[in-house]
Amino acid sequence: MIVGVNKERATLVGELLRKYISLFPVDRFTDTRFYPPENESREKIAMYFLVMVAMDHRLSRPGKPYEGYVEGEFYHGADLLYRLGSKKLSEDPDFFTARRLSKITVNDVLEWLSVSDGRKTVKPPDPEIRAELLRDIGKKLELLYEGSAYKLIVDSKGYLKGRYSDGFIDRLKIFKAFQDPVEKKAYLLAKFLERRGVLRINDPYNKEVPVDNHLVRIALRLGIVHVDNETLERIAAGIPFSWEEDILLRLTTREAYKYVSMRAGVDPFILDDFLWSFGRKCCKREGPVCRNGCSEDCKKIGGCLGGGCLLKSVCSAYTDPLLMVPEHNYIDTWYY
């Protein structure tokens, strides 16, 4: 597989986003349907997001969407996960403690993260792995940080990557859930905690976008990441990637977005806010707005401009249908 960053294309994307990205609202992650209330303690906020991000991977599988109703409202994917997390925090706050996590069972995970409408029950995939990841967090917090997620943050001294001691991202690697070489979950957690005022970052130059499926798909379509034709054909055909190929593609994607963020003059975490919403609402896996016309969902997040996609003027796939690829196939993972 041949893969690399197209800096010329990334420059064009960054310069375009420089004009518009300041118009997008910044999510403070305080909506109590999904997150802890604003007056919650730093310890509880840190523990909540540590647990929820550890669970935030591969929720929907082919033909098995993770979606359902909670208290009369419909939620899909990550929205359903965090809705159930907030509900759990409200009803059983002690669940989010190292002591409880260290003893969690598969049945606990299934009971927590399943929804039923009376006709069918939707369960989370790989509940065994999710239970293992949570037990690992609970045991290691008790062993190394006196059971406190906030102590881990304090001990990082405001650094993401080690300077005089291990930074926040470095310290997270002791947990199985956060050992992804591309550090998707780790940077997502850092974004949440910084936005909630629990993590104050002294080395913002070490920020990276948390690279998930949406961001890889957008990068390939925009052309800021280029791959050889054989790899494009494999992605289009849904042929599975190996572990090494997945890591290589996502590390290159992370590098490309770092370049975009620098050219746009925007924080990588803010850039991620836009890209994640844009991937869910506009540049979707099937039926992107450049092919089907702007949807109300895309308009709501500001992803449309003059009746078309905001990024169409800098998007390689807009003029080259071969680049209108779906996500690369790498399903069996807890990385993202």
C-alpha atoms as a PDB file:
ATOM      1  CA  MET A   1       0.000   0.000   0.000  1.00  0.00           C
ATOM      2  CA  ILE A   2       1.268   3.455  -0.950  1.00  0.00           C
ATOM      3  CA  VAL A   3      -0.089   6.324   1.145  1.00  0.00           C
ATOM      4  CA  GLY A   4       0.960   9.906   1.752  1.00  0.00           C
ATOM      5  CA  VAL A   5      -0.125  13.466   2.563  1.00  0.00           C
ATOM      6  CA  ASN A   6      -1.007  15.785  -0.318  1.00  0.00           C
ATOM      7  CA  LYS A   7       0.200  19.073   1.163  1.00  0.00           C
ATOM      8  CA  GLU A   8      -0.993  21.151  -1.776  1.00  0.00           C
ATOM      9  CA  ARG A   9      -4.546  19.866  -1.354  1.00  0.00           C
ATOM     10  CA  ALA A  10      -4.316  20.199   2.447  1.00  0.00           C
ATOM     11  CA  THR A  11      -3.273  23.846   1.984  1.00  0.00           C
ATOM     12  CA  LEU A  12      -6.374  24.525  -0.131  1.00  0.00           C
ATOM     13  CA  VAL A  13      -8.641  22.857   2.431  1.00  0.00           C
ATOM     14  CA  GLY A  14      -7.029  24.739   5.306  1.00  0.00           C
ATOM     15  CA  GLU A  15      -7.303  28.107   3.579  1.00  0.00           C
ATOM     16  CA  LEU A  16     -10.979  27.512   2.810  1.00  0.00           C
ATOM     17  CA  LEU A  17     -11.749  26.447   6.368  1.00  0.00           C
ATOM     18  CA  ARG A  18      -9.953  29.522   7.693  1.00  0.00           C
ATOM     19  CA  LYS A  19     -12.789  31.598   6.208  1.00  0.00           C
ATOM     20  CA  TYR A  20     -15.657  29.608   7.674  1.00  0.00           C
ATOM     21  CA  ILE A  21     -14.755  27.476  10.668  1.00  0.00           C
ATOM     22  CA  SER A  22     -15.077  30.338  13.164  1.00  0.00           C
ATOM     23  CA  LEU A  23     -18.792  30.420  12.292  1.00  0.00           C
ATOM     24  CA  PHE A  24     -19.377  26.951  13.725  1.00  0.00           C
ATOM     25  CA  PRO A  25     -20.442  26.868  17.398  1.00  0.00           C
ATOM     26  CA  VAL A  26     -18.072  25.229  19.874  1.00  0.00           C
ATOM     27  CA  ASP A  27     -19.668  22.356  21.789  1.00  0.00           C
ATOM     28  CA  ARG A  28     -18.962  22.626  25.524  1.00  0.00           C
ATOM     29  CA  PHE A  29     -20.298  19.093  26.121  1.00  0.00           C
ATOM     30  CA  THR A  30     -22.728  20.185  28.807  1.00  0.00           C
ATOM     31  CA  ASP A  31     -25.984  18.807  27.337  1.00  0.00           C
ATOM     32  CA  THR A  32     -27.200  16.665  30.249  1.00  0.00           C
ATOM     33  CA  ARG A  33     -28.847  14.194  27.891  1.00  0.00           C
ATOM     34  CA  PHE A  34     -25.310  13.012  27.108  1.00  0.00           C
ATOM     35  CA  TYR A  35     -22.878  14.491  29.633  1.00  0.00           C
ATOM     36  CA  PRO A  36     -22.514  15.321  33.349  1.00  0.00           C
ATOM     37  CA  PRO A  37     -24.126  18.567  34.542  1.00  0.00           C
ATOM     38  CA  GLU A  38     -21.961  21.678  34.744  1.00  0.00           C
ATOM     39  CA  ASN A  39     -21.871  21.639  38.551  1.00  0.00           C
ATOM     40  CA  GLU A  40     -20.550  18.067  38.745  1.00  0.00           C
ATOM     41  CA  SER A  41     -17.195  17.507  40.504  1.00  0.00           C
ATOM     42  CA  ARG A  42     -13.974  17.284  38.500  1.00  0.00           C
ATOM     43  CA  GLU A  43     -13.470  13.724  39.682  1.00  0.00           C
ATOM     44  CA  LYS A  44     -16.889  12.594  38.478  1.00  0.00           C
ATOM     45  CA  ILE A  45     -16.510  14.414  35.147  1.00  0.00           C
ATOM     46  CA  ALA A  46     -13.072  12.870  34.594  1.00  0.00           C
ATOM     47  CA  MET A  47     -14.277   9.391  35.492  1.00  0.00           C
ATOM     48  CA  TYR A  48     -17.421   9.668  33.372  1.00  0.00           C
ATOM     49  CA  PHE A  49     -15.545  10.625  30.216  1.00  0.00           C
ATOM     50  CA  LEU A  50     -12.778   8.081  30.866  1.00  0.00           C
ATOM     51  CA  VAL A  51     -15.405   5.321  30.967  1.00  0.00           C
ATOM     52  CA  MET A  52     -17.493   6.566  28.059  1.00  0.00           C
ATOM     53  CA  VAL A  53     -14.593   7.135  25.681  1.00  0.00           C
ATOM     54  CA  ALA A  54     -13.261   3.669  26.523  1.00  0.00           C
ATOM     55  CA  MET A  55     -16.620   2.318  25.262  1.00  0.00           C
ATOM     56  CA  ASP A  56     -16.786   4.593  22.208  1.00  0.00           C
ATOM     57  CA  HIS A  57     -15.856   2.231  19.394  1.00  0.00           C
ATOM     58  CA  ARG A  58     -17.545   0.221  16.636  1.00  0.00           C
ATOM     59  CA  LEU A  59     -21.082   0.537  17.962  1.00  0.00           C
ATOM     60  CA  SER A  60     -22.844  -0.257  14.681  1.00  0.00           C
ATOM     61  CA  ARG A  61     -21.870  -3.250  12.585  1.00  0.00           C
ATOM     62  CA  PRO A  62     -22.919  -4.134   8.998  1.00  0.00           C
ATOM     63  CA  GLY A  63     -26.654  -4.760   9.050  1.00  0.00           C
ATOM     64  CA  LYS A  64     -26.804  -4.180  12.816  1.00  0.00           C
ATOM     65  CA  PRO A  65     -27.158  -0.492  13.620  1.00  0.00           C
ATOM     66  CA  TYR A  66     -26.803   0.451  17.269  1.00  0.00           C
ATOM     67  CA  GLU A  67     -29.894   2.587  17.742  1.00  0.00           C
ATOM     68  CA  GLY A  68     -33.104   2.784  19.700  1.00  0.00           C
ATOM     69  CA  TYR A  69     -35.383   4.799  21.942  1.00  0.00           C
ATOM     70  CA  VAL A  70     -34.575   6.129  25.395  1.00  0.00           C
ATOM     71  CA  GLU A  71     -37.441   7.793  27.245  1.00  0.00           C
ATOM     72  CA  GLY A  72     -39.317   8.325  23.990  1.00  0.00           C
ATOM     73  CA  GLU A  73     -36.459   9.822  21.966  1.00  0.00           C
ATOM     74  CA  PHE A  74     -34.564   8.039  19.192  1.00  0.00           C
ATOM     75  CA  TYR A  75     -30.757   7.886  19.295  1.00  0.00           C
ATOM     76  CA  HIS A  76     -28.167   6.299  17.007  1.00  0.00           C
ATOM     77  CA  GLY A  77     -24.542   5.247  17.469  1.00  0.00           C
ATOM     78  CA  ALA A  78     -22.481   7.410  19.798  1.00  0.00           C
ATOM     79  CA  ASP A  79     -25.554   9.486  20.657  1.00  0.00           C
ATOM     80  CA  LEU A  80     -27.229   6.383  22.101  1.00  0.00           C
ATOM     81  CA  LEU A  81     -24.069   5.366  23.970  1.00  0.00           C
ATOM     82  CA  TYR A  82     -23.678   8.737  25.686  1.00  0.00           C
ATOM     83  CA  ARG A  83     -27.420   9.022  26.335  1.00  0.00           C
ATOM     84  CA  LEU A  84     -27.252   5.728  28.224  1.00  0.00           C
ATOM     85  CA  GLY A  85     -24.104   6.884  29.972  1.00  0.00           C
ATOM     86  CA  SER A  86     -25.728  10.071  31.236  1.00  0.00           C
ATOM     87  CA  LYS A  87     -28.782   8.108  32.343  1.00  0.00           C
ATOM     88  CA  LYS A  88     -26.551   5.694  34.250  1.00  0.00           C
ATOM     89  CA  LEU A  89     -24.690   8.547  35.918  1.00  0.00           C
ATOM     90  CA  SER A  90     -27.977  10.043  37.083  1.00  0.00           C
ATOM     91  CA  GLU A  91     -29.472   6.792  38.355  1.00  0.00           C
ATOM     92  CA  ASP A  92     -26.353   5.042  39.701  1.00  0.00           C
ATOM     93  CA  PRO A  93     -23.462   7.522  40.120  1.00  0.00           C
ATOM     94  CA  ASP A  94     -21.337   5.006  42.040  1.00  0.00           C
ATOM     95  CA  PHE A  95     -21.109   2.951  38.859  1.00  0.00           C
ATOM     96  CA  PHE A  96     -18.462   5.433  37.715  1.00  0.00           C
ATOM     97  CA  THR A  97     -15.933   4.522  40.388  1.00  0.00           C
ATOM     98  CA  ALA A  98     -12.784   2.427  40.137  1.00  0.00           C
ATOM     99  CA  ARG A  99     -14.108  -0.034  42.710  1.00  0.00           C
ATOM    100  CA  ARG A 100     -17.263  -0.792  40.723  1.00  0.00           C
ATOM    101  CA  LEU A 101     -15.502  -0.856  37.377  1.00  0.00           C
ATOM    102  CA  SER A 102     -12.929  -3.364  38.587  1.00  0.00           C
ATOM    103  CA  LYS A 103     -15.711  -5.889  39.151  1.00  0.00           C
ATOM    104  CA  ILE A 104     -17.920  -5.218  36.132  1.00  0.00           C
ATOM    105  CA  THR A 105     -19.334  -8.238  34.280  1.00  0.00           C
ATOM    106  CA  VAL A 106     -20.531  -8.887  30.755  1.00  0.00           C
ATOM    107  CA  ASN A 107     -24.095  -8.947  32.068  1.00  0.00           C
ATOM    108  CA  ASP A 108     -23.556  -5.518  33.647  1.00  0.00           C
ATOM    109  CA  VAL A 109     -22.501  -4.143  30.248  1.00  0.00           C
ATOM    110  CA  LEU A 110     -25.441  -5.753  28.455  1.00  0.00           C
ATOM    111  CA  GLU A 111     -27.933  -4.502  31.021  1.00  0.00           C
ATOM    112  CA  TRP A 112     -26.514  -0.984  30.822  1.00  0.00           C
ATOM    113  CA  LEU A 113     -26.011  -0.563  27.062  1.00  0.00           C
ATOM    114  CA  SER A 114     -29.001  -2.483  25.644  1.00  0.00           C
ATOM    115  CA  VAL A 115     -32.291  -0.864  24.627  1.00  0.00           C
ATOM    116  CA  SER A 116     -35.650  -2.458  23.888  1.00  0.00           C
ATOM    117  CA  ASP A 117     -38.846  -1.177  22.312  1.00  0.00           C
ATOM    118  CA  GLY A 118     -40.879  -4.174  23.443  1.00  0.00           C
ATOM    119  CA  ARG A 119     -40.482  -5.947  20.111  1.00  0.00           C
ATOM    120  CA  LYS A 120     -36.725  -6.246  19.767  1.00  0.00           C
ATOM    121  CA  THR A 121     -33.692  -5.607  21.925  1.00  0.00           C
ATOM    122  CA  VAL A 122     -30.605  -3.885  20.549  1.00  0.00           C
ATOM    123  CA  LYS A 123     -27.401  -4.939  22.306  1.00  0.00           C
ATOM    124  CA  PRO A 124     -23.916  -3.444  22.103  1.00  0.00           C
ATOM    125  CA  PRO A 125     -21.397  -5.449  20.059  1.00  0.00           C
ATOM    126  CA  ASP A 126     -18.479  -7.216  21.794  1.00  0.00           C
ATOM    127  CA  PRO A 127     -19.800  -6.867  25.381  1.00  0.00           C
ATOM    128  CA  GLU A 128     -17.024  -9.194  26.581  1.00  0.00           C
ATOM    129  CA  ILE A 129     -14.341  -6.801  25.330  1.00  0.00           C
ATOM    130  CA  ARG A 130     -16.140  -3.770  26.741  1.00  0.00           C
ATOM    131  CA  ALA A 131     -16.364  -5.401  30.164  1.00  0.00           C
ATOM    132  CA  GLU A 132     -12.673  -6.316  30.012  1.00  0.00           C
ATOM    133  CA  LEU A 133     -11.689  -2.742  29.106  1.00  0.00           C
ATOM    134  CA  LEU A 134     -13.667  -1.322  32.040  1.00  0.00           C
ATOM    135  CA  ARG A 135     -12.288  -3.837  34.547  1.00  0.00           C
ATOM    136  CA  ASP A 136      -8.789  -2.962  33.355  1.00  0.00           C
ATOM    137  CA  ILE A 137      -9.439   0.745  33.983  1.00  0.00           C
ATOM    138  CA  GLY A 138     -10.869   0.121  37.441  1.00  0.00           C
ATOM    139  CA  LYS A 139      -8.036  -2.132  38.610  1.00  0.00           C
ATOM    140  CA  LYS A 140      -5.239   0.079  37.307  1.00  0.00           C
ATOM    141  CA  LEU A 141      -6.760   3.270  38.698  1.00  0.00           C
ATOM    142  CA  GLU A 142      -6.908   1.605  42.109  1.00  0.00           C
ATOM    143  CA  LEU A 143      -3.333   0.334  41.808  1.00  0.00           C
ATOM    144  CA  LEU A 144      -1.670   3.467  40.384  1.00  0.00           C
ATOM    145  CA  TYR A 145      -3.883   6.491  41.086  1.00  0.00           C
ATOM    146  CA  GLU A 146      -5.669   5.755  44.360  1.00  0.00           C
ATOM    147  CA  GLY A 147      -8.824   5.027  42.370  1.00  0.00           C
ATOM    148  CA  SER A 148      -8.965   8.601  41.030  1.00  0.00           C
ATOM    149  CA  ALA A 149      -9.224   9.571  37.362  1.00  0.00           C
ATOM    150  CA  TYR A 150      -8.614  13.199  38.301  1.00  0.00           C
ATOM    151  CA  LYS A 151      -5.316  12.292  40.005  1.00  0.00           C
ATOM    152  CA  LEU A 152      -4.096  10.944  36.661  1.00  0.00           C
ATOM    153  CA  ILE A 153      -4.836  14.370  35.166  1.00  0.00           C
ATOM    154  CA  VAL A 154      -3.127  16.227  38.008  1.00  0.00           C
ATOM    155  CA  ASP A 155      -0.031  14.028  37.763  1.00  0.00           C
ATOM    156  CA  SER A 156       0.286  14.829  34.048  1.00  0.00           C
ATOM    157  CA  LYS A 157       0.983  18.466  35.055  1.00  0.00           C
ATOM    158  CA  GLY A 158      -0.934  19.867  32.104  1.00  0.00           C
ATOM    159  CA  TYR A 159       1.094  18.148  29.393  1.00  0.00           C
ATOM    160  CA  LEU A 160      -0.271  15.812  26.744  1.00  0.00           C
ATOM    161  CA  LYS A 161       3.113  14.322  25.916  1.00  0.00           C
ATOM    162  CA  GLY A 162       6.017  13.886  28.299  1.00  0.00           C
ATOM    163  CA  ARG A 163       8.340  16.763  28.954  1.00  0.00           C
ATOM    164  CA  TYR A 164       9.812  16.235  32.402  1.00  0.00           C
ATOM    165  CA  SER A 165       7.459  13.374  33.249  1.00  0.00           C
ATOM    166  CA  ASP A 166       4.752  11.363  31.511  1.00  0.00           C
ATOM    167  CA  GLY A 167       2.007  13.491  30.000  1.00  0.00           C
ATOM    168  CA  PHE A 168      -1.711  12.755  29.922  1.00  0.00           C
ATOM    169  CA  ILE A 169      -1.630  10.822  26.619  1.00  0.00           C
ATOM    170  CA  ASP A 170       1.403   8.863  27.816  1.00  0.00           C
ATOM    171  CA  ARG A 171      -0.255   7.903  31.090  1.00  0.00           C
ATOM    172  CA  LEU A 172      -3.435   6.712  29.378  1.00  0.00           C
ATOM    173  CA  LYS A 173      -1.439   4.018  27.605  1.00  0.00           C
ATOM    174  CA  ILE A 174      -1.418   1.889  30.743  1.00  0.00           C
ATOM    175  CA  PHE A 175      -5.094   1.180  30.037  1.00  0.00           C
ATOM    176  CA  LYS A 176      -5.917  -1.388  27.375  1.00  0.00           C
ATOM    177  CA  ALA A 177      -8.709   0.821  25.994  1.00  0.00           C
ATOM    178  CA  PHE A 178      -6.200   3.584  25.185  1.00  0.00           C
ATOM    179  CA  GLN A 179      -3.324   1.636  23.610  1.00  0.00           C
ATOM    180  CA  ASP A 180      -4.229   2.464  20.000  1.00  0.00           C
ATOM    181  CA  PRO A 181      -0.987   3.596  18.240  1.00  0.00           C
ATOM    182  CA  VAL A 182      -2.919   6.458  16.583  1.00  0.00           C
ATOM    183  CA  GLU A 183      -4.330   7.513  19.993  1.00  0.00           C
ATOM    184  CA  LYS A 184      -7.870   8.193  18.770  1.00  0.00           C
ATOM    185  CA  LYS A 185      -9.575   7.560  22.103  1.00  0.00           C
ATOM    186  CA  ALA A 186      -6.847   9.339  24.045  1.00  0.00           C
ATOM    187  CA  TYR A 187      -7.193  12.561  22.067  1.00  0.00           C
ATOM    188  CA  LEU A 188     -10.979  12.356  22.131  1.00  0.00           C
ATOM    189  CA  LEU A 189     -10.828  12.101  25.915  1.00  0.00           C
ATOM    190  CA  ALA A 190      -8.415  15.048  26.083  1.00  0.00           C
ATOM    191  CA  LYS A 191     -10.816  17.104  23.947  1.00  0.00           C
ATOM    192  CA  PHE A 192     -13.779  16.372  26.200  1.00  0.00           C
ATOM    193  CA  LEU A 193     -11.867  17.104  29.410  1.00  0.00           C
ATOM    194  CA  GLU A 194     -10.274  20.308  28.141  1.00  0.00           C
ATOM    195  CA  ARG A 195     -13.631  21.599  26.932  1.00  0.00           C
ATOM    196  CA  ARG A 196     -15.148  20.877  30.361  1.00  0.00           C
ATOM    197  CA  GLY A 197     -12.302  22.724  32.110  1.00  0.00           C
ATOM    198  CA  VAL A 198     -10.947  19.635  33.863  1.00  0.00           C
ATOM    199  CA  LEU A 199      -7.752  19.295  31.790  1.00  0.00           C
ATOM    200  CA  ARG A 200      -5.670  22.402  31.161  1.00  0.00           C
ATOM    201  CA  ILE A 201      -3.170  21.825  28.360  1.00  0.00           C
ATOM    202  CA  ASN A 202       0.262  23.464  28.480  1.00  0.00           C
ATOM    203  CA  ASP A 203       1.497  21.955  25.198  1.00  0.00           C
ATOM    204  CA  PRO A 204      -1.254  22.667  22.641  1.00  0.00           C
ATOM    205  CA  TYR A 205       1.286  21.991  19.864  1.00  0.00           C
ATOM    206  CA  ASN A 206       0.936  18.301  20.789  1.00  0.00           C
ATOM    207  CA  LYS A 207      -2.799  18.238  20.053  1.00  0.00           C
ATOM    208  CA  GLU A 208      -4.005  15.926  17.274  1.00  0.00           C
ATOM    209  CA  VAL A 209      -7.422  15.181  15.809  1.00  0.00           C
ATOM    210  CA  PRO A 210      -8.928  11.895  17.085  1.00  0.00           C
ATOM    211  CA  VAL A 211      -8.953   9.943  13.815  1.00  0.00           C
ATOM    212  CA  ASP A 212     -12.144   7.907  13.407  1.00  0.00           C
ATOM    213  CA  ASN A 213     -13.952   6.456  10.370  1.00  0.00           C
ATOM    214  CA  HIS A 214     -15.525   9.763   9.365  1.00  0.00           C
ATOM    215  CA  LEU A 215     -12.210  11.596   9.325  1.00  0.00           C
ATOM    216  CA  VAL A 216     -10.448   8.945   7.227  1.00  0.00           C
ATOM    217  CA  ARG A 217     -13.286   8.893   4.690  1.00  0.00           C
ATOM    218  CA  ILE A 218     -13.302  12.688   4.391  1.00  0.00           C
ATOM    219  CA  ALA A 219      -9.501  12.816   4.031  1.00  0.00           C
ATOM    220  CA  LEU A 220      -9.536  10.335   1.147  1.00  0.00           C
ATOM    221  CA  ARG A 221     -12.390  12.120  -0.616  1.00  0.00           C
ATOM    222  CA  LEU A 222     -10.855  15.562  -0.193  1.00  0.00           C
ATOM    223  CA  GLY A 223      -7.563  14.202  -1.491  1.00  0.00           C
ATOM    224  CA  ILE A 224      -5.459  15.449   1.436  1.00  0.00           C
ATOM    225  CA  VAL A 225      -4.471  11.785   1.809  1.00  0.00           C
ATOM    226  CA  HIS A 226      -3.611   9.963  -1.413  1.00  0.00           C
ATOM    227  CA  VAL A 227      -3.330   6.209  -1.870  1.00  0.00           C
ATOM    228  CA  ASP A 228      -2.465   4.036  -4.850  1.00  0.00           C
ATOM    229  CA  ASN A 229      -5.208   2.882  -7.217  1.00  0.00           C
ATOM    230  CA  GLU A 230      -5.100  -0.706  -5.966  1.00  0.00           C
ATOM    231  CA  THR A 231      -5.795   0.500  -2.413  1.00  0.00           C
ATOM    232  CA  LEU A 232      -8.666   2.675  -3.665  1.00  0.00           C
ATOM    233  CA  GLU A 233     -10.144  -0.374  -5.372  1.00  0.00           C
ATOM    234  CA  ARG A 234      -9.794  -2.434  -2.175  1.00  0.00           C
ATOM    235  CA  ILE A 235     -11.599   0.253  -0.166  1.00  0.00           C
ATOM    236  CA  ALA A 236     -14.391   0.477  -2.735  1.00  0.00           C
ATOM    237  CA  ALA A 237     -14.754  -3.317  -2.755  1.00  0.00           C
ATOM    238  CA  GLY A 238     -14.808  -3.563   1.053  1.00  0.00           C
ATOM    239  CA  ILE A 239     -11.745  -5.832   1.213  1.00  0.00           C
ATOM    240  CA  PRO A 240     -10.492  -5.932   4.838  1.00  0.00           C
ATOM    241  CA  PHE A 241      -7.354  -4.039   5.794  1.00  0.00           C
ATOM    242  CA  SER A 242      -4.649  -5.552   7.967  1.00  0.00           C
ATOM    243  CA  TRP A 243      -3.740  -4.048  11.350  1.00  0.00           C
ATOM    244  CA  GLU A 244      -0.581  -2.506   9.877  1.00  0.00           C
ATOM    245  CA  GLU A 245      -2.426  -1.033   6.884  1.00  0.00           C
ATOM    246  CA  ASP A 246      -5.100   0.490   9.110  1.00  0.00           C
ATOM    247  CA  ILE A 247      -2.506   2.118  11.363  1.00  0.00           C
ATOM    248  CA  LEU A 248      -0.543   3.467   8.394  1.00  0.00           C
ATOM    249  CA  LEU A 249      -3.641   4.978   6.787  1.00  0.00           C
ATOM    250  CA  ARG A 250      -4.856   6.583   9.999  1.00  0.00           C
ATOM    251  CA  LEU A 251      -1.443   7.951  11.014  1.00  0.00           C
ATOM    252  CA  THR A 252      -1.169   9.566   7.591  1.00  0.00           C
ATOM    253  CA  THR A 253      -4.681  10.972   8.002  1.00  0.00           C
ATOM    254  CA  ARG A 254      -3.712  12.441  11.376  1.00  0.00           C
ATOM    255  CA  GLU A 255      -0.659  14.073   9.816  1.00  0.00           C
ATOM    256  CA  ALA A 256      -2.740  15.520   6.981  1.00  0.00           C
ATOM    257  CA  TYR A 257      -5.234  17.105   9.382  1.00  0.00           C
ATOM    258  CA  LYS A 258      -2.411  18.571  11.471  1.00  0.00           C
ATOM    259  CA  TYR A 259      -1.293  20.362   8.324  1.00  0.00           C
ATOM    260  CA  VAL A 260      -4.884  21.490   7.613  1.00  0.00           C
ATOM    261  CA  SER A 261      -5.279  22.816  11.161  1.00  0.00           C
ATOM    262  CA  MET A 262      -2.059  24.815  10.858  1.00  0.00           C
ATOM    263  CA  ARG A 263      -3.080  26.329   7.516  1.00  0.00           C
ATOM    264  CA  ALA A 264      -6.564  27.100   8.835  1.00  0.00           C
ATOM    265  CA  GLY A 265      -5.195  28.571  12.060  1.00  0.00           C
ATOM    266  CA  VAL A 266      -7.573  26.409  14.077  1.00  0.00           C
ATOM    267  CA  ASP A 267      -7.137  24.176  17.120  1.00  0.00           C
ATOM    268  CA  PRO A 268      -7.105  20.481  16.055  1.00  0.00           C
ATOM    269  CA  PHE A 269      -9.850  19.747  18.612  1.00  0.00           C
ATOM    270  CA  ILE A 270     -12.085  22.433  17.079  1.00  0.00           C
ATOM    271  CA  LEU A 271     -11.291  21.082  13.622  1.00  0.00           C
ATOM    272  CA  ASP A 272     -12.352  17.644  14.842  1.00  0.00           C
ATOM    273  CA  ASP A 273     -15.703  19.022  16.031  1.00  0.00           C
ATOM    274  CA  PHE A 274     -16.432  20.238  12.517  1.00  0.00           C
ATOM    275  CA  LEU A 275     -15.106  17.157  10.705  1.00  0.00           C
ATOM    276  CA  TRP A 276     -16.999  14.684  12.892  1.00  0.00           C
ATOM    277  CA  SER A 277     -20.301  16.506  12.406  1.00  0.00           C
ATOM    278  CA  PHE A 278     -19.559  17.022   8.709  1.00  0.00           C
ATOM    279  CA  GLY A 279     -18.931  13.301   8.254  1.00  0.00           C
ATOM    280  CA  ARG A 280     -22.156  12.325  10.013  1.00  0.00           C
ATOM    281  CA  LYS A 281     -24.427  14.923   8.428  1.00  0.00           C
ATOM    282  CA  CYS A 282     -22.908  15.910   5.079  1.00  0.00           C
ATOM    283  CA  CYS A 283     -20.088  13.751   3.687  1.00  0.00           C
ATOM    284  CA  LYS A 284     -21.837  10.532   4.673  1.00  0.00           C
ATOM    285  CA  ARG A 285     -20.736   7.038   3.747  1.00  0.00           C
ATOM    286  CA  GLU A 286     -23.750   6.705   1.473  1.00  0.00           C
ATOM    287  CA  GLY A 287     -25.478   9.625  -0.214  1.00  0.00           C
ATOM    288  CA  PRO A 288     -23.115  12.562   0.433  1.00  0.00           C
ATOM    289  CA  VAL A 289     -24.728  15.947  -0.113  1.00  0.00           C
ATOM    290  CA  CYS A 290     -22.580  16.702  -3.153  1.00  0.00           C
ATOM    291  CA  ARG A 291     -24.448  13.889  -4.916  1.00  0.00           C
ATOM    292  CA  ASN A 292     -27.899  14.111  -3.317  1.00  0.00           C
ATOM    293  CA  GLY A 293     -28.200  17.819  -2.580  1.00  0.00           C
ATOM    294  CA  CYS A 294     -27.935  19.574   0.771  1.00  0.00           C
ATOM    295  CA  SER A 295     -29.995  18.041   3.552  1.00  0.00           C
ATOM    296  CA  GLU A 296     -31.552  19.844   6.488  1.00  0.00           C
ATOM    297  CA  ASP A 297     -29.115  18.067   8.835  1.00  0.00           C
ATOM    298  CA  CYS A 298     -26.135  19.361   6.844  1.00  0.00           C
ATOM    299  CA  LYS A 299     -27.563  22.877   6.672  1.00  0.00           C
ATOM    300  CA  LYS A 300     -28.018  22.934  10.457  1.00  0.00           C
ATOM    301  CA  ILE A 301     -24.289  22.465  11.049  1.00  0.00           C
ATOM    302  CA  GLY A 302     -23.330  24.989   8.347  1.00  0.00           C
ATOM    303  CA  GLY A 303     -21.985  22.369   5.949  1.00  0.00           C
ATOM    304  CA  CYS A 304     -23.750  23.839   2.919  1.00  0.00           C
ATOM    305  CA  LEU A 305     -22.759  26.911   0.949  1.00  0.00           C
ATOM    306  CA  GLY A 306     -24.830  28.333  -1.875  1.00  0.00           C
ATOM    307  CA  GLY A 307     -26.919  25.186  -2.125  1.00  0.00           C
ATOM    308  CA  GLY A 308     -23.924  22.857  -2.292  1.00  0.00           C
ATOM    309  CA  CYS A 309     -21.298  21.271  -0.059  1.00  0.00           C
ATOM    310  CA  LEU A 310     -19.080  23.794   1.708  1.00  0.00           C
ATOM    311  CA  LEU A 311     -15.928  21.907   0.658  1.00  0.00           C
ATOM    312  CA  LYS A 312     -16.808  21.036  -2.936  1.00  0.00           C
ATOM    313  CA  SER A 313     -14.365  23.565  -4.416  1.00  0.00           C
ATOM    314  CA  VAL A 314     -11.413  21.834  -2.723  1.00  0.00           C
ATOM    315  CA  CYS A 315     -12.673  18.242  -2.847  1.00  0.00           C
ATOM    316  CA  SER A 316     -10.976  15.814  -5.228  1.00  0.00           C
ATOM    317  CA  ALA A 317     -13.932  13.394  -5.172  1.00  0.00           C
ATOM    318  CA  TYR A 318     -16.307  16.125  -6.341  1.00  0.00           C
ATOM    319  CA  THR A 319     -14.704  15.919  -9.789  1.00  0.00           C
ATOM    320  CA  ASP A 320     -13.248  12.390  -9.650  1.00  0.00           C
ATOM    321  CA  PRO A 321     -15.890   9.716  -8.846  1.00  0.00           C
ATOM    322  CA  LEU A 322     -13.149   7.116  -8.213  1.00  0.00           C
ATOM    323  CA  LEU A 323     -12.306   8.962  -4.999  1.00  0.00           C
ATOM    324  CA  MET A 324     -15.874   8.833  -3.680  1.00  0.00           C
ATOM    325  CA  VAL A 325     -14.935   5.870  -1.505  1.00  0.00           C
ATOM    326  CA  PRO A 326     -16.705   4.551   1.604  1.00  0.00           C
ATOM    327  CA  GLU A 327     -14.822   3.696   4.805  1.00  0.00           C
ATOM    328  CA  HIS A 328     -11.944   1.259   4.609  1.00  0.00           C
ATOM    329  CA  ASN A 329     -12.889  -2.128   6.054  1.00  0.00           C
ATOM    330  CA  TYR A 330     -11.350  -2.707   9.471  1.00  0.00           C
ATOM    331  CA  ILE A 331     -14.110  -3.761  11.832  1.00  0.00           C
ATOM    332  CA  ASP A 332     -12.774  -5.999  14.591  1.00  0.00           C
ATOM    333  CA  THR A 333     -11.126  -3.387  16.779  1.00  0.00           C
ATOM    334  CA  TRP A 334     -11.732  -1.413  19.944  1.00  0.00           C
ATOM    335  CA  TYR A 335      -9.515   1.427  18.721  1.00  0.00           C
ATOM    336  CA  TYR A 336     -12.286   3.469  17.076  1.00  0.00           C
END
